Amino acid sequence: MFRKIATGFGALAFFVGLMMVAGSAGDCDGKCMEQANDMATMLILCATGVVFMLSGGFFMMVGNSE
């Protein structure tokens, strides 16, 4: 039971981290730069997304281990 929960949580964390990294800049192709994030905010969001992706990968590995 724990392995299924760990795998599911890991997949969710990996997906959320991927979406955080993809959307970290917060702009729309340069057409609305006044709404874009500044560099510090972008780096914090990107680093948090990478941490989520790494922890999600770890939980998926733990859930799939024998």
N, C-alpha and C. Protein backbone atom coordinates (compact mmCIF):
# COMPACT_ATOMS: atom_id res chain seq x y z
N MET A 1 0.82 -1.20 0.00
CA MET A 1 0.00 0.00 0.00
C MET A 1 0.87 1.26 0.00
N PHE A 2 1.92 1.25 0.83
CA PHE A 2 2.80 2.42 0.89
C PHE A 2 3.49 2.66 -0.44
N ARG A 3 3.82 1.59 -1.14
CA ARG A 3 4.52 1.74 -2.42
C ARG A 3 3.65 2.43 -3.45
N LYS A 4 2.36 2.12 -3.48
CA LYS A 4 1.46 2.79 -4.42
C LYS A 4 1.30 4.27 -4.06
N ILE A 5 1.21 4.56 -2.78
CA ILE A 5 1.08 5.95 -2.34
C ILE A 5 2.35 6.72 -2.68
N ALA A 6 3.51 6.12 -2.43
CA ALA A 6 4.77 6.78 -2.73
C ALA A 6 4.93 7.02 -4.22
N THR A 7 4.54 6.06 -5.04
CA THR A 7 4.63 6.22 -6.49
C THR A 7 3.67 7.31 -6.98
N GLY A 8 2.47 7.31 -6.48
CA GLY A 8 1.49 8.33 -6.87
C GLY A 8 1.91 9.73 -6.44
N PHE A 9 2.38 9.85 -5.20
CA PHE A 9 2.86 11.15 -4.72
C PHE A 9 4.07 11.61 -5.51
N GLY A 10 4.95 10.69 -5.84
CA GLY A 10 6.14 11.03 -6.62
C GLY A 10 5.78 11.51 -8.01
N ALA A 11 4.84 10.85 -8.65
CA ALA A 11 4.42 11.27 -9.98
C ALA A 11 3.76 12.65 -9.93
N LEU A 12 2.95 12.89 -8.92
CA LEU A 12 2.31 14.20 -8.77
C LEU A 12 3.34 15.29 -8.51
N ALA A 13 4.30 15.02 -7.62
CA ALA A 13 5.34 16.00 -7.33
C ALA A 13 6.21 16.27 -8.55
N PHE A 14 6.52 15.24 -9.32
CA PHE A 14 7.32 15.42 -10.54
C PHE A 14 6.57 16.29 -11.54
N PHE A 15 5.28 16.04 -11.72
CA PHE A 15 4.47 16.82 -12.67
C PHE A 15 4.34 18.27 -12.22
N VAL A 16 4.10 18.49 -10.93
CA VAL A 16 3.99 19.86 -10.41
C VAL A 16 5.33 20.59 -10.58
N GLY A 17 6.44 19.91 -10.31
CA GLY A 17 7.75 20.52 -10.50
C GLY A 17 8.02 20.87 -11.94
N LEU A 18 7.61 20.01 -12.85
CA LEU A 18 7.78 20.28 -14.27
C LEU A 18 6.98 21.51 -14.71
N MET A 19 5.76 21.63 -14.20
CA MET A 19 4.94 22.79 -14.53
C MET A 19 5.52 24.07 -13.91
N MET A 20 6.12 23.96 -12.72
CA MET A 20 6.75 25.13 -12.09
C MET A 20 7.94 25.60 -12.90
N VAL A 21 8.76 24.67 -13.35
CA VAL A 21 9.94 25.04 -14.15
C VAL A 21 9.49 25.64 -15.48
N ALA A 22 8.48 25.05 -16.10
CA ALA A 22 8.03 25.54 -17.40
C ALA A 22 7.41 26.93 -17.30
N GLY A 23 6.75 27.24 -16.22
CA GLY A 23 6.09 28.53 -16.09
C GLY A 23 6.80 29.51 -15.19
N SER A 24 8.07 29.29 -14.92
CA SER A 24 8.77 30.12 -13.93
C SER A 24 8.96 31.56 -14.38
N ALA A 25 9.04 31.82 -15.67
CA ALA A 25 9.26 33.20 -16.13
C ALA A 25 8.00 34.03 -16.00
N GLY A 26 6.84 33.45 -16.21
CA GLY A 26 5.59 34.14 -16.04
C GLY A 26 5.28 35.15 -17.13
N ASP A 27 5.89 35.04 -18.28
CA ASP A 27 5.59 35.97 -19.37
C ASP A 27 4.87 35.24 -20.50
N CYS A 28 4.47 35.99 -21.51
CA CYS A 28 3.76 35.39 -22.64
C CYS A 28 4.42 35.85 -23.94
N ASP A 29 5.53 35.26 -24.27
CA ASP A 29 6.25 35.49 -25.53
C ASP A 29 6.70 36.93 -25.72
N GLY A 30 6.94 37.65 -24.64
CA GLY A 30 7.45 39.02 -24.74
C GLY A 30 6.42 40.07 -25.04
N LYS A 31 5.15 39.68 -25.19
CA LYS A 31 4.11 40.65 -25.52
C LYS A 31 3.53 41.33 -24.29
N CYS A 32 3.77 40.78 -23.12
CA CYS A 32 3.23 41.39 -21.89
C CYS A 32 4.33 41.37 -20.82
N MET A 33 5.43 42.00 -21.10
CA MET A 33 6.58 41.97 -20.20
C MET A 33 6.32 42.68 -18.87
N GLU A 34 5.32 43.54 -18.82
CA GLU A 34 5.03 44.22 -17.55
C GLU A 34 4.46 43.25 -16.52
N GLN A 35 3.97 42.10 -16.96
CA GLN A 35 3.44 41.10 -16.03
C GLN A 35 4.43 39.98 -15.75
N ALA A 36 5.62 40.02 -16.34
CA ALA A 36 6.60 38.96 -16.17
C ALA A 36 7.24 39.04 -14.79
N ASN A 37 7.78 37.92 -14.32
CA ASN A 37 8.49 37.87 -13.05
C ASN A 37 9.88 38.47 -13.20
N ASP A 38 10.40 39.03 -12.10
CA ASP A 38 11.79 39.48 -12.13
C ASP A 38 12.72 38.28 -12.00
N MET A 39 14.02 38.51 -12.15
CA MET A 39 14.99 37.41 -12.22
C MET A 39 15.04 36.60 -10.92
N ALA A 40 14.98 37.27 -9.78
CA ALA A 40 15.05 36.56 -8.49
C ALA A 40 13.85 35.64 -8.30
N THR A 41 12.67 36.13 -8.62
CA THR A 41 11.47 35.31 -8.50
C THR A 41 11.51 34.13 -9.46
N MET A 42 11.98 34.37 -10.66
CA MET A 42 12.08 33.29 -11.64
C MET A 42 13.04 32.20 -11.17
N LEU A 43 14.19 32.60 -10.61
CA LEU A 43 15.16 31.62 -10.14
C LEU A 43 14.64 30.84 -8.94
N ILE A 44 13.92 31.50 -8.05
CA ILE A 44 13.35 30.80 -6.88
C ILE A 44 12.31 29.79 -7.34
N LEU A 45 11.43 30.19 -8.26
CA LEU A 45 10.42 29.25 -8.77
C LEU A 45 11.06 28.09 -9.52
N CYS A 46 12.09 28.38 -10.30
CA CYS A 46 12.75 27.33 -11.06
C CYS A 46 13.46 26.35 -10.12
N ALA A 47 14.16 26.87 -9.12
CA ALA A 47 14.86 26.00 -8.17
C ALA A 47 13.88 25.16 -7.37
N THR A 48 12.76 25.74 -6.97
CA THR A 48 11.75 24.98 -6.24
C THR A 48 11.16 23.88 -7.13
N GLY A 49 10.94 24.19 -8.39
CA GLY A 49 10.44 23.18 -9.32
C GLY A 49 11.42 22.04 -9.52
N VAL A 50 12.72 22.35 -9.59
CA VAL A 50 13.73 21.30 -9.74
C VAL A 50 13.76 20.42 -8.49
N VAL A 51 13.63 21.03 -7.31
CA VAL A 51 13.59 20.25 -6.07
C VAL A 51 12.37 19.34 -6.06
N PHE A 52 11.23 19.85 -6.49
CA PHE A 52 10.02 19.02 -6.57
C PHE A 52 10.23 17.86 -7.53
N MET A 53 10.86 18.13 -8.68
CA MET A 53 11.10 17.06 -9.65
C MET A 53 12.04 16.01 -9.10
N LEU A 54 13.10 16.42 -8.43
CA LEU A 54 14.04 15.45 -7.86
C LEU A 54 13.40 14.63 -6.75
N SER A 55 12.64 15.28 -5.88
CA SER A 55 11.98 14.53 -4.81
C SER A 55 10.90 13.61 -5.37
N GLY A 56 10.20 14.05 -6.42
CA GLY A 56 9.22 13.18 -7.05
C GLY A 56 9.86 11.96 -7.68
N GLY A 57 11.01 12.16 -8.34
CA GLY A 57 11.75 11.03 -8.89
C GLY A 57 12.21 10.07 -7.82
N PHE A 58 12.65 10.62 -6.68
CA PHE A 58 13.06 9.76 -5.57
C PHE A 58 11.89 8.93 -5.04
N PHE A 59 10.74 9.58 -4.86
CA PHE A 59 9.58 8.84 -4.35
C PHE A 59 9.10 7.80 -5.35
N MET A 60 9.19 8.08 -6.64
CA MET A 60 8.82 7.07 -7.63
C MET A 60 9.78 5.90 -7.61
N MET A 61 11.06 6.18 -7.39
CA MET A 61 12.04 5.07 -7.29
C MET A 61 11.79 4.25 -6.05
N VAL A 62 11.47 4.88 -4.93
CA VAL A 62 11.18 4.15 -3.70
C VAL A 62 9.91 3.30 -3.88
N GLY A 63 8.92 3.87 -4.55
CA GLY A 63 7.68 3.13 -4.75
C GLY A 63 7.84 1.94 -5.68
N ASN A 64 8.78 2.00 -6.61
CA ASN A 64 8.97 0.91 -7.56
C ASN A 64 10.06 -0.06 -7.13
N SER A 65 10.69 0.17 -5.99
CA SER A 65 11.76 -0.73 -5.55
C SER A 65 11.15 -2.02 -5.00
N GLU A 66 11.94 -3.03 -4.99
CA GLU A 66 11.48 -4.35 -4.52
C GLU A 66 11.46 -4.41 -3.01
